[in-house]
């Protein structure tokens, strides 16, 4: 009989440094499902990707992550390029945890651990930007630049509110960027201070941002914010929470499968992308959706007690 094995990749510094505390509890719970459960502790950037890649090549049955959006992204970048891709799941410990919210994984780590044995399989899309993979969002412009500068201590203390505060500050920025888009063969241009390419409807913990987006719809969702005055920008805030932002005249919205985002040739400054909350490549970038590329475990809320 085949011995079943799960690998748990733990970022001990995620959230309020809860990874170290909860690691043994996760192992105990998963021992109900697998013959072997191995904990792997990250020590620096790239460790989670390498651990996930090794687990794929060992043909383990499942890979679990404990950490925030960055840890989840690293694990996905280890799994996505491999021919053998074990089922993936995670216990959210970070600041925003957009994918966890979309998949119905509890934000409370203790409850998420309790739900590990109450599970069902779900197939999801992932995104690819150049040679990097993402599960949430690519953001470009003055707002993600500001958010990227949020200190880790502030993220830990304030959670998603830290992103909202820094984003609001960035609304005062007057600079807009001349973007050029090509989406499934359609060419578009727009001046904008914020461009989003989303896989899901949850952005910075706000689950109404792009209501038409779903984690398994086979599309990426482009939202280009064109508001120039502070009044126009502020007017978008209630629409974000009401889920009507993509209907606004100051939003260019498209859903697409494959595209390219660049700056106008007349613009000579470098603009860096923000991918799942961390710094990504400089424009121009190629983006595409990999439909149904990964299987994940999510809580089986339909199961009977």
C-alpha atoms as a PDB file:
ATOM      1  CA  UNK A   1       0.000   0.000   0.000  1.00  0.00           C
ATOM      2  CA  UNK A   2       1.295   3.455  -0.936  1.00  0.00           C
ATOM      3  CA  UNK A   3       2.442   5.608   1.952  1.00  0.00           C
ATOM      4  CA  UNK A   4       0.685   8.981   1.830  1.00  0.00           C
ATOM      5  CA  UNK A   5       2.646  12.134   2.581  1.00  0.00           C
ATOM      6  CA  UNK A   6       1.977  15.836   3.004  1.00  0.00           C
ATOM      7  CA  UNK A   7       4.540  18.623   3.197  1.00  0.00           C
ATOM      8  CA  UNK A   8       3.727  21.710   5.280  1.00  0.00           C
ATOM      9  CA  UNK A   9       5.708  24.846   4.401  1.00  0.00           C
ATOM     10  CA  UNK A  10       5.696  27.252   7.355  1.00  0.00           C
ATOM     11  CA  UNK A  11       6.722  30.902   7.381  1.00  0.00           C
ATOM     12  CA  UNK A  12       7.409  31.443  11.096  1.00  0.00           C
ATOM     13  CA  UNK A  13       7.333  35.243  10.739  1.00  0.00           C
ATOM     14  CA  UNK A  14       3.946  35.592   8.996  1.00  0.00           C
ATOM     15  CA  UNK A  15       1.152  37.536  10.647  1.00  0.00           C
ATOM     16  CA  UNK A  16       1.908  37.997  14.336  1.00  0.00           C
ATOM     17  CA  UNK A  17       4.656  35.368  14.056  1.00  0.00           C
ATOM     18  CA  UNK A  18       2.040  32.652  14.525  1.00  0.00           C
ATOM     19  CA  UNK A  19       3.628  30.142  12.164  1.00  0.00           C
ATOM     20  CA  UNK A  20       5.966  28.830  14.837  1.00  0.00           C
ATOM     21  CA  UNK A  21       3.081  28.502  17.279  1.00  0.00           C
ATOM     22  CA  UNK A  22       0.657  26.689  14.971  1.00  0.00           C
ATOM     23  CA  UNK A  23       3.034  24.439  13.026  1.00  0.00           C
ATOM     24  CA  UNK A  24       2.788  21.460  15.425  1.00  0.00           C
ATOM     25  CA  UNK A  25      -1.020  21.767  15.576  1.00  0.00           C
ATOM     26  CA  UNK A  26      -1.218  21.547  11.795  1.00  0.00           C
ATOM     27  CA  UNK A  27       0.978  18.466  11.783  1.00  0.00           C
ATOM     28  CA  UNK A  28      -1.185  16.790  14.411  1.00  0.00           C
ATOM     29  CA  UNK A  29      -4.372  17.485  12.445  1.00  0.00           C
ATOM     30  CA  UNK A  30      -2.933  16.339   9.116  1.00  0.00           C
ATOM     31  CA  UNK A  31      -1.709  13.080  10.660  1.00  0.00           C
ATOM     32  CA  UNK A  32      -5.388  12.105  10.618  1.00  0.00           C
ATOM     33  CA  UNK A  33      -5.207  12.218   6.805  1.00  0.00           C
ATOM     34  CA  UNK A  34      -1.638  11.224   5.854  1.00  0.00           C
ATOM     35  CA  UNK A  35       0.860   8.580   6.946  1.00  0.00           C
ATOM     36  CA  UNK A  36       3.682  11.118   6.920  1.00  0.00           C
ATOM     37  CA  UNK A  37       3.587  14.879   7.549  1.00  0.00           C
ATOM     38  CA  UNK A  38       6.799  16.867   7.156  1.00  0.00           C
ATOM     39  CA  UNK A  39       7.171  20.446   8.375  1.00  0.00           C
ATOM     40  CA  UNK A  40       9.556  22.691   6.469  1.00  0.00           C
ATOM     41  CA  UNK A  41      10.403  26.092   7.980  1.00  0.00           C
ATOM     42  CA  UNK A  42      11.322  28.999   5.739  1.00  0.00           C
ATOM     43  CA  UNK A  43      14.212  31.239   6.706  1.00  0.00           C
ATOM     44  CA  UNK A  44      14.263  33.680   3.810  1.00  0.00           C
ATOM     45  CA  UNK A  45      12.889  34.717   0.447  1.00  0.00           C
ATOM     46  CA  UNK A  46      12.622  31.880  -2.055  1.00  0.00           C
ATOM     47  CA  UNK A  47      12.647  29.069   0.503  1.00  0.00           C
ATOM     48  CA  UNK A  48       8.934  28.323   0.118  1.00  0.00           C
ATOM     49  CA  UNK A  49       9.287  28.116  -3.673  1.00  0.00           C
ATOM     50  CA  UNK A  50      12.180  25.689  -3.389  1.00  0.00           C
ATOM     51  CA  UNK A  51      10.404  23.539  -0.795  1.00  0.00           C
ATOM     52  CA  UNK A  52       7.268  23.369  -2.958  1.00  0.00           C
ATOM     53  CA  UNK A  53       9.301  22.463  -6.049  1.00  0.00           C
ATOM     54  CA  UNK A  54      11.061  19.663  -4.164  1.00  0.00           C
ATOM     55  CA  UNK A  55       7.737  18.333  -2.868  1.00  0.00           C
ATOM     56  CA  UNK A  56       6.336  18.201  -6.407  1.00  0.00           C
ATOM     57  CA  UNK A  57       9.320  16.202  -7.598  1.00  0.00           C
ATOM     58  CA  UNK A  58       9.002  13.834  -4.646  1.00  0.00           C
ATOM     59  CA  UNK A  59       5.401  13.159  -5.751  1.00  0.00           C
ATOM     60  CA  UNK A  60       3.916  13.922  -2.337  1.00  0.00           C
ATOM     61  CA  UNK A  61       0.146  13.797  -2.043  1.00  0.00           C
ATOM     62  CA  UNK A  62      -0.413  17.376  -0.898  1.00  0.00           C
ATOM     63  CA  UNK A  63       1.407  20.617  -0.117  1.00  0.00           C
ATOM     64  CA  UNK A  64       0.195  22.938   2.628  1.00  0.00           C
ATOM     65  CA  UNK A  65       1.414  26.448   3.410  1.00  0.00           C
ATOM     66  CA  UNK A  66       1.206  28.466   6.601  1.00  0.00           C
ATOM     67  CA  UNK A  67       1.764  32.144   5.947  1.00  0.00           C
ATOM     68  CA  UNK A  68       0.505  35.251   4.229  1.00  0.00           C
ATOM     69  CA  UNK A  69      -0.043  36.129   0.586  1.00  0.00           C
ATOM     70  CA  UNK A  70       3.710  36.184  -0.056  1.00  0.00           C
ATOM     71  CA  UNK A  71       4.180  32.647   1.251  1.00  0.00           C
ATOM     72  CA  UNK A  72       1.222  31.385  -0.766  1.00  0.00           C
ATOM     73  CA  UNK A  73       2.597  33.096  -3.879  1.00  0.00           C
ATOM     74  CA  UNK A  74       6.022  31.517  -3.367  1.00  0.00           C
ATOM     75  CA  UNK A  75       4.500  28.057  -2.992  1.00  0.00           C
ATOM     76  CA  UNK A  76       2.435  28.508  -6.139  1.00  0.00           C
ATOM     77  CA  UNK A  77       5.576  29.574  -8.004  1.00  0.00           C
ATOM     78  CA  UNK A  78       7.168  26.302  -6.934  1.00  0.00           C
ATOM     79  CA  UNK A  79       4.182  24.185  -7.955  1.00  0.00           C
ATOM     80  CA  UNK A  80       2.892  25.858 -11.129  1.00  0.00           C
ATOM     81  CA  UNK A  81       5.814  25.098 -13.516  1.00  0.00           C
ATOM     82  CA  UNK A  82       5.973  21.411 -12.570  1.00  0.00           C
ATOM     83  CA  UNK A  83       4.414  18.554 -14.551  1.00  0.00           C
ATOM     84  CA  UNK A  84       3.378  16.890 -11.289  1.00  0.00           C
ATOM     85  CA  UNK A  85       1.341  19.337  -9.213  1.00  0.00           C
ATOM     86  CA  UNK A  86       0.077  18.004  -5.855  1.00  0.00           C
ATOM     87  CA  UNK A  87      -3.092  19.404  -4.353  1.00  0.00           C
ATOM     88  CA  UNK A  88      -2.356  22.648  -2.503  1.00  0.00           C
ATOM     89  CA  UNK A  89      -3.921  24.221   0.575  1.00  0.00           C
ATOM     90  CA  UNK A  90      -2.963  26.765   3.210  1.00  0.00           C
ATOM     91  CA  UNK A  91      -3.636  28.262   6.616  1.00  0.00           C
ATOM     92  CA  UNK A  92      -3.795  32.077   6.273  1.00  0.00           C
ATOM     93  CA  UNK A  93      -1.557  33.949   8.700  1.00  0.00           C
ATOM     94  CA  UNK A  94      -0.805  37.191   6.866  1.00  0.00           C
ATOM     95  CA  UNK A  95      -2.290  40.633   6.509  1.00  0.00           C
ATOM     96  CA  UNK A  96      -4.840  40.352   3.700  1.00  0.00           C
ATOM     97  CA  UNK A  97      -5.122  36.714   2.528  1.00  0.00           C
ATOM     98  CA  UNK A  98      -7.233  37.466  -0.556  1.00  0.00           C
ATOM     99  CA  UNK A  99      -7.164  33.932  -1.965  1.00  0.00           C
ATOM    100  CA  UNK A 100      -8.144  32.485   1.396  1.00  0.00           C
ATOM    101  CA  UNK A 101     -11.145  34.799   1.575  1.00  0.00           C
ATOM    102  CA  UNK A 102     -12.261  33.811  -1.915  1.00  0.00           C
ATOM    103  CA  UNK A 103     -11.921  30.099  -1.196  1.00  0.00           C
ATOM    104  CA  UNK A 104     -13.810  30.305   2.093  1.00  0.00           C
ATOM    105  CA  UNK A 105     -10.818  29.376   4.253  1.00  0.00           C
ATOM    106  CA  UNK A 106     -11.302  30.791   7.777  1.00  0.00           C
ATOM    107  CA  UNK A 107      -9.146  33.819   8.563  1.00  0.00           C
ATOM    108  CA  UNK A 108      -8.791  32.595  12.155  1.00  0.00           C
ATOM    109  CA  UNK A 109      -5.803  30.197  12.105  1.00  0.00           C
ATOM    110  CA  UNK A 110      -7.202  27.915  14.823  1.00  0.00           C
ATOM    111  CA  UNK A 111     -10.463  27.505  12.925  1.00  0.00           C
ATOM    112  CA  UNK A 112      -8.612  27.006   9.635  1.00  0.00           C
ATOM    113  CA  UNK A 113      -6.608  24.198  11.240  1.00  0.00           C
ATOM    114  CA  UNK A 114      -9.804  22.579  12.520  1.00  0.00           C
ATOM    115  CA  UNK A 115     -11.198  22.682   8.976  1.00  0.00           C
ATOM    116  CA  UNK A 116      -8.232  20.807   7.462  1.00  0.00           C
ATOM    117  CA  UNK A 117      -9.997  17.453   7.694  1.00  0.00           C
ATOM    118  CA  UNK A 118     -13.320  18.899   6.469  1.00  0.00           C
ATOM    119  CA  UNK A 119     -12.336  19.389   2.864  1.00  0.00           C
ATOM    120  CA  UNK A 120     -13.203  19.103  -0.780  1.00  0.00           C
ATOM    121  CA  UNK A 121     -11.158  19.604  -3.923  1.00  0.00           C
ATOM    122  CA  UNK A 122     -11.552  22.682  -6.121  1.00  0.00           C
ATOM    123  CA  UNK A 123      -9.793  23.482  -9.395  1.00  0.00           C
ATOM    124  CA  UNK A 124      -8.670  27.103  -9.778  1.00  0.00           C
ATOM    125  CA  UNK A 125      -7.037  29.395 -12.319  1.00  0.00           C
ATOM    126  CA  UNK A 126      -3.706  31.072 -11.738  1.00  0.00           C
ATOM    127  CA  UNK A 127      -2.092  33.997 -13.520  1.00  0.00           C
ATOM    128  CA  UNK A 128       1.294  34.294 -15.147  1.00  0.00           C
ATOM    129  CA  UNK A 129       3.231  37.549 -15.553  1.00  0.00           C
ATOM    130  CA  UNK A 130       6.376  37.076 -17.615  1.00  0.00           C
ATOM    131  CA  UNK A 131       7.998  34.061 -15.899  1.00  0.00           C
ATOM    132  CA  UNK A 132       6.277  34.557 -12.531  1.00  0.00           C
ATOM    133  CA  UNK A 133       2.952  33.163 -11.336  1.00  0.00           C
ATOM    134  CA  UNK A 134       0.279  34.829  -9.201  1.00  0.00           C
ATOM    135  CA  UNK A 135      -2.984  33.867  -7.514  1.00  0.00           C
ATOM    136  CA  UNK A 136      -4.457  37.240  -6.639  1.00  0.00           C
ATOM    137  CA  UNK A 137      -3.534  40.474  -8.372  1.00  0.00           C
ATOM    138  CA  UNK A 138      -1.043  42.521 -10.340  1.00  0.00           C
ATOM    139  CA  UNK A 139      -1.177  46.215  -9.409  1.00  0.00           C
ATOM    140  CA  UNK A 140       0.617  49.061 -11.168  1.00  0.00           C
ATOM    141  CA  UNK A 141       0.760  52.782 -10.335  1.00  0.00           C
ATOM    142  CA  UNK A 142       1.036  55.206  -7.442  1.00  0.00           C
ATOM    143  CA  UNK A 143      -1.262  53.324  -5.043  1.00  0.00           C
ATOM    144  CA  UNK A 144       0.616  49.982  -5.165  1.00  0.00           C
ATOM    145  CA  UNK A 145       3.900  51.902  -4.964  1.00  0.00           C
ATOM    146  CA  UNK A 146       2.704  53.463  -1.701  1.00  0.00           C
ATOM    147  CA  UNK A 147       1.368  50.172  -0.354  1.00  0.00           C
ATOM    148  CA  UNK A 148       4.654  48.451  -1.110  1.00  0.00           C
ATOM    149  CA  UNK A 149       6.345  50.878   1.283  1.00  0.00           C
ATOM    150  CA  UNK A 150       4.106  49.916   4.238  1.00  0.00           C
ATOM    151  CA  UNK A 151       6.419  48.660   7.025  1.00  0.00           C
ATOM    152  CA  UNK A 152       5.879  45.058   8.114  1.00  0.00           C
ATOM    153  CA  UNK A 153       5.183  46.277  11.670  1.00  0.00           C
ATOM    154  CA  UNK A 154       2.322  48.430  10.403  1.00  0.00           C
ATOM    155  CA  UNK A 155       0.874  45.572   8.375  1.00  0.00           C
ATOM    156  CA  UNK A 156       0.962  43.338  11.438  1.00  0.00           C
ATOM    157  CA  UNK A 157      -0.690  45.934  13.685  1.00  0.00           C
ATOM    158  CA  UNK A 158      -3.329  47.292  11.324  1.00  0.00           C
ATOM    159  CA  UNK A 159      -3.948  44.415   8.923  1.00  0.00           C
ATOM    160  CA  UNK A 160      -5.818  45.339   5.710  1.00  0.00           C
ATOM    161  CA  UNK A 161      -6.430  48.825   7.137  1.00  0.00           C
ATOM    162  CA  UNK A 162      -2.737  49.574   6.551  1.00  0.00           C
ATOM    163  CA  UNK A 163      -3.284  49.154   2.822  1.00  0.00           C
ATOM    164  CA  UNK A 164      -6.371  51.348   2.852  1.00  0.00           C
ATOM    165  CA  UNK A 165      -4.551  54.124   4.753  1.00  0.00           C
ATOM    166  CA  UNK A 166      -1.545  54.137   2.440  1.00  0.00           C
ATOM    167  CA  UNK A 167      -3.800  53.875  -0.609  1.00  0.00           C
ATOM    168  CA  UNK A 168      -5.772  56.917   0.513  1.00  0.00           C
ATOM    169  CA  UNK A 169      -2.552  58.882   0.910  1.00  0.00           C
ATOM    170  CA  UNK A 170      -1.586  57.953  -2.626  1.00  0.00           C
ATOM    171  CA  UNK A 171      -4.841  59.414  -3.972  1.00  0.00           C
ATOM    172  CA  UNK A 172      -3.228  62.820  -3.493  1.00  0.00           C
ATOM    173  CA  UNK A 173      -0.597  61.948  -6.080  1.00  0.00           C
ATOM    174  CA  UNK A 174      -1.211  63.907  -9.253  1.00  0.00           C
ATOM    175  CA  UNK A 175       0.952  61.843 -11.585  1.00  0.00           C
ATOM    176  CA  UNK A 176      -0.750  59.544 -14.067  1.00  0.00           C
ATOM    177  CA  UNK A 177       0.988  57.158 -16.418  1.00  0.00           C
ATOM    178  CA  UNK A 178       0.382  56.664 -20.166  1.00  0.00           C
ATOM    179  CA  UNK A 179      -0.417  52.954 -20.480  1.00  0.00           C
ATOM    180  CA  UNK A 180      -0.718  50.856 -23.617  1.00  0.00           C
ATOM    181  CA  UNK A 181      -2.672  47.592 -23.456  1.00  0.00           C
ATOM    182  CA  UNK A 182      -3.177  44.688 -25.794  1.00  0.00           C
ATOM    183  CA  UNK A 183      -5.817  42.271 -24.517  1.00  0.00           C
ATOM    184  CA  UNK A 184      -6.766  39.256 -26.633  1.00  0.00           C
ATOM    185  CA  UNK A 185      -5.834  41.245 -29.740  1.00  0.00           C
ATOM    186  CA  UNK A 186      -7.647  44.464 -28.730  1.00  0.00           C
ATOM    187  CA  UNK A 187      -5.357  47.498 -28.411  1.00  0.00           C
ATOM    188  CA  UNK A 188      -6.207  50.152 -25.845  1.00  0.00           C
ATOM    189  CA  UNK A 189      -4.507  53.187 -24.335  1.00  0.00           C
ATOM    190  CA  UNK A 190      -5.315  55.173 -21.199  1.00  0.00           C
ATOM    191  CA  UNK A 191      -3.747  57.541 -18.712  1.00  0.00           C
ATOM    192  CA  UNK A 192      -4.093  56.139 -15.213  1.00  0.00           C
ATOM    193  CA  UNK A 193      -2.724  56.275 -11.671  1.00  0.00           C
ATOM    194  CA  UNK A 194      -3.815  52.676 -10.942  1.00  0.00           C
ATOM    195  CA  UNK A 195      -4.034  49.544 -13.058  1.00  0.00           C
ATOM    196  CA  UNK A 196      -5.263  46.246 -11.620  1.00  0.00           C
ATOM    197  CA  UNK A 197      -5.162  42.791 -13.190  1.00  0.00           C
ATOM    198  CA  UNK A 198      -7.172  40.527 -10.896  1.00  0.00           C
ATOM    199  CA  UNK A 199      -7.919  36.822 -10.770  1.00  0.00           C
ATOM    200  CA  UNK A 200     -10.584  37.111  -8.086  1.00  0.00           C
ATOM    201  CA  UNK A 201     -13.130  39.580  -6.704  1.00  0.00           C
ATOM    202  CA  UNK A 202     -11.074  40.190  -3.540  1.00  0.00           C
ATOM    203  CA  UNK A 203      -8.503  42.992  -3.658  1.00  0.00           C
ATOM    204  CA  UNK A 204      -6.688  44.103  -0.462  1.00  0.00           C
ATOM    205  CA  UNK A 205      -9.302  42.221   1.546  1.00  0.00           C
ATOM    206  CA  UNK A 206     -12.215  44.043  -0.141  1.00  0.00           C
ATOM    207  CA  UNK A 207     -14.348  41.312  -1.718  1.00  0.00           C
ATOM    208  CA  UNK A 208     -16.494  43.654  -3.808  1.00  0.00           C
ATOM    209  CA  UNK A 209     -13.734  45.330  -5.819  1.00  0.00           C
ATOM    210  CA  UNK A 210     -14.236  43.431  -9.104  1.00  0.00           C
ATOM    211  CA  UNK A 211     -17.512  41.559  -8.605  1.00  0.00           C
ATOM    212  CA  UNK A 212     -17.443  39.706 -11.938  1.00  0.00           C
ATOM    213  CA  UNK A 213     -14.082  38.058 -11.200  1.00  0.00           C
ATOM    214  CA  UNK A 214     -14.021  34.467  -9.967  1.00  0.00           C
ATOM    215  CA  UNK A 215     -11.133  32.177  -9.186  1.00  0.00           C
ATOM    216  CA  UNK A 216     -12.271  29.584 -11.733  1.00  0.00           C
ATOM    217  CA  UNK A 217     -13.859  31.630 -14.538  1.00  0.00           C
ATOM    218  CA  UNK A 218     -10.925  31.242 -16.962  1.00  0.00           C
ATOM    219  CA  UNK A 219     -10.236  34.983 -17.230  1.00  0.00           C
ATOM    220  CA  UNK A 220      -8.060  37.783 -15.931  1.00  0.00           C
ATOM    221  CA  UNK A 221      -9.857  41.040 -15.130  1.00  0.00           C
ATOM    222  CA  UNK A 222      -8.344  44.399 -16.074  1.00  0.00           C
ATOM    223  CA  UNK A 223      -9.444  47.574 -14.264  1.00  0.00           C
ATOM    224  CA  UNK A 224      -7.801  50.852 -15.292  1.00  0.00           C
ATOM    225  CA  UNK A 225      -8.640  53.776 -12.990  1.00  0.00           C
ATOM    226  CA  UNK A 226      -8.689  57.019 -14.994  1.00  0.00           C
ATOM    227  CA  UNK A 227      -9.780  59.568 -12.376  1.00  0.00           C
ATOM    228  CA  UNK A 228      -7.565  62.677 -12.530  1.00  0.00           C
ATOM    229  CA  UNK A 229      -8.926  64.957  -9.808  1.00  0.00           C
ATOM    230  CA  UNK A 230      -9.031  64.056  -6.110  1.00  0.00           C
ATOM    231  CA  UNK A 231     -12.816  64.412  -6.225  1.00  0.00           C
ATOM    232  CA  UNK A 232     -13.069  61.824  -9.008  1.00  0.00           C
ATOM    233  CA  UNK A 233     -10.801  59.448  -7.115  1.00  0.00           C
ATOM    234  CA  UNK A 234     -12.641  59.832  -3.813  1.00  0.00           C
ATOM    235  CA  UNK A 235     -15.950  59.293  -5.619  1.00  0.00           C
ATOM    236  CA  UNK A 236     -14.791  55.785  -6.473  1.00  0.00           C
ATOM    237  CA  UNK A 237     -14.379  54.705  -2.834  1.00  0.00           C
ATOM    238  CA  UNK A 238     -18.068  53.993  -2.019  1.00  0.00           C
ATOM    239  CA  UNK A 239     -18.418  52.288  -5.393  1.00  0.00           C
ATOM    240  CA  UNK A 240     -15.580  49.934  -4.493  1.00  0.00           C
ATOM    241  CA  UNK A 241     -17.490  48.720  -1.440  1.00  0.00           C
ATOM    242  CA  UNK A 242     -20.794  48.612  -3.337  1.00  0.00           C
ATOM    243  CA  UNK A 243     -19.328  46.468  -6.103  1.00  0.00           C
ATOM    244  CA  UNK A 244     -20.165  48.974  -8.860  1.00  0.00           C
ATOM    245  CA  UNK A 245     -16.668  50.266  -9.606  1.00  0.00           C
ATOM    246  CA  UNK A 246     -16.395  48.483 -12.972  1.00  0.00           C
ATOM    247  CA  UNK A 247     -19.514  50.318 -14.182  1.00  0.00           C
ATOM    248  CA  UNK A 248     -17.964  53.752 -13.548  1.00  0.00           C
ATOM    249  CA  UNK A 249     -17.073  55.980 -16.488  1.00  0.00           C
ATOM    250  CA  UNK A 250     -13.640  56.538 -14.948  1.00  0.00           C
ATOM    251  CA  UNK A 251     -12.875  52.796 -15.008  1.00  0.00           C
ATOM    252  CA  UNK A 252     -11.741  50.993 -18.142  1.00  0.00           C
ATOM    253  CA  UNK A 253     -12.727  47.357 -17.551  1.00  0.00           C
ATOM    254  CA  UNK A 254     -11.994  44.291 -19.657  1.00  0.00           C
ATOM    255  CA  UNK A 255     -11.805  40.592 -19.010  1.00  0.00           C
ATOM    256  CA  UNK A 256      -9.218  38.752 -21.057  1.00  0.00           C
ATOM    257  CA  UNK A 257      -7.087  35.629 -21.333  1.00  0.00           C
ATOM    258  CA  UNK A 258      -3.770  36.914 -22.627  1.00  0.00           C
ATOM    259  CA  UNK A 259      -2.301  40.403 -22.937  1.00  0.00           C
ATOM    260  CA  UNK A 260       0.540  42.853 -22.679  1.00  0.00           C
ATOM    261  CA  UNK A 261       0.876  45.989 -20.556  1.00  0.00           C
ATOM    262  CA  UNK A 262       3.391  48.675 -21.471  1.00  0.00           C
ATOM    263  CA  UNK A 263       4.017  52.383 -21.142  1.00  0.00           C
ATOM    264  CA  UNK A 264       3.862  54.786 -24.051  1.00  0.00           C
ATOM    265  CA  UNK A 265       7.197  55.050 -25.850  1.00  0.00           C
ATOM    266  CA  UNK A 266       7.233  58.774 -25.014  1.00  0.00           C
ATOM    267  CA  UNK A 267       7.359  58.010 -21.270  1.00  0.00           C
ATOM    268  CA  UNK A 268      10.912  57.449 -20.100  1.00  0.00           C
ATOM    269  CA  UNK A 269      10.476  56.456 -16.443  1.00  0.00           C
ATOM    270  CA  UNK A 270      10.529  52.837 -15.196  1.00  0.00           C
ATOM    271  CA  UNK A 271       7.369  51.554 -13.517  1.00  0.00           C
ATOM    272  CA  UNK A 272       7.537  48.445 -11.336  1.00  0.00           C
ATOM    273  CA  UNK A 273       4.627  46.023 -10.994  1.00  0.00           C
ATOM    274  CA  UNK A 274       3.326  44.767  -7.670  1.00  0.00           C
ATOM    275  CA  UNK A 275       2.520  41.026  -7.831  1.00  0.00           C
ATOM    276  CA  UNK A 276       0.459  39.493  -5.012  1.00  0.00           C
ATOM    277  CA  UNK A 277       1.715  42.248  -2.698  1.00  0.00           C
ATOM    278  CA  UNK A 278       5.419  42.039  -3.559  1.00  0.00           C
ATOM    279  CA  UNK A 279       7.606  43.828  -6.077  1.00  0.00           C
ATOM    280  CA  UNK A 280       7.519  42.314  -9.560  1.00  0.00           C
ATOM    281  CA  UNK A 281       8.999  43.065 -12.982  1.00  0.00           C
ATOM    282  CA  UNK A 282       9.342  46.462 -14.618  1.00  0.00           C
ATOM    283  CA  UNK A 283       6.959  47.274 -17.490  1.00  0.00           C
ATOM    284  CA  UNK A 284       6.416  46.083 -20.170  1.00  0.00           C
ATOM    285  CA  UNK A 285       4.992  42.735 -19.041  1.00  0.00           C
ATOM    286  CA  UNK A 286       3.095  39.876 -20.647  1.00  0.00           C
ATOM    287  CA  UNK A 287       0.188  38.456 -18.649  1.00  0.00           C
ATOM    288  CA  UNK A 288      -2.024  35.430 -19.173  1.00  0.00           C
ATOM    289  CA  UNK A 289      -4.428  33.178 -17.311  1.00  0.00           C
ATOM    290  CA  UNK A 290      -3.691  29.487 -16.874  1.00  0.00           C
ATOM    291  CA  UNK A 291      -7.232  28.167 -16.584  1.00  0.00           C
ATOM    292  CA  UNK A 292      -7.797  25.230 -14.241  1.00  0.00           C
ATOM    293  CA  UNK A 293      -4.069  24.921 -13.595  1.00  0.00           C
ATOM    294  CA  UNK A 294      -4.118  23.967  -9.894  1.00  0.00           C
ATOM    295  CA  UNK A 295      -6.189  21.881  -7.516  1.00  0.00           C
ATOM    296  CA  UNK A 296      -6.715  23.145  -3.984  1.00  0.00           C
ATOM    297  CA  UNK A 297      -8.441  21.882  -0.850  1.00  0.00           C
ATOM    298  CA  UNK A 298     -11.168  24.158   0.494  1.00  0.00           C
ATOM    299  CA  UNK A 299     -13.563  23.698   3.451  1.00  0.00           C
ATOM    300  CA  UNK A 300     -16.482  21.460   2.570  1.00  0.00           C
ATOM    301  CA  UNK A 301     -19.266  23.640   3.888  1.00  0.00           C
ATOM    302  CA  UNK A 302     -21.856  21.398   2.281  1.00  0.00           C
ATOM    303  CA  UNK A 303     -20.848  18.392   4.367  1.00  0.00           C
ATOM    304  CA  UNK A 304     -23.092  17.312   7.181  1.00  0.00           C
ATOM    305  CA  UNK A 305     -21.864  17.202  10.738  1.00  0.00           C
END
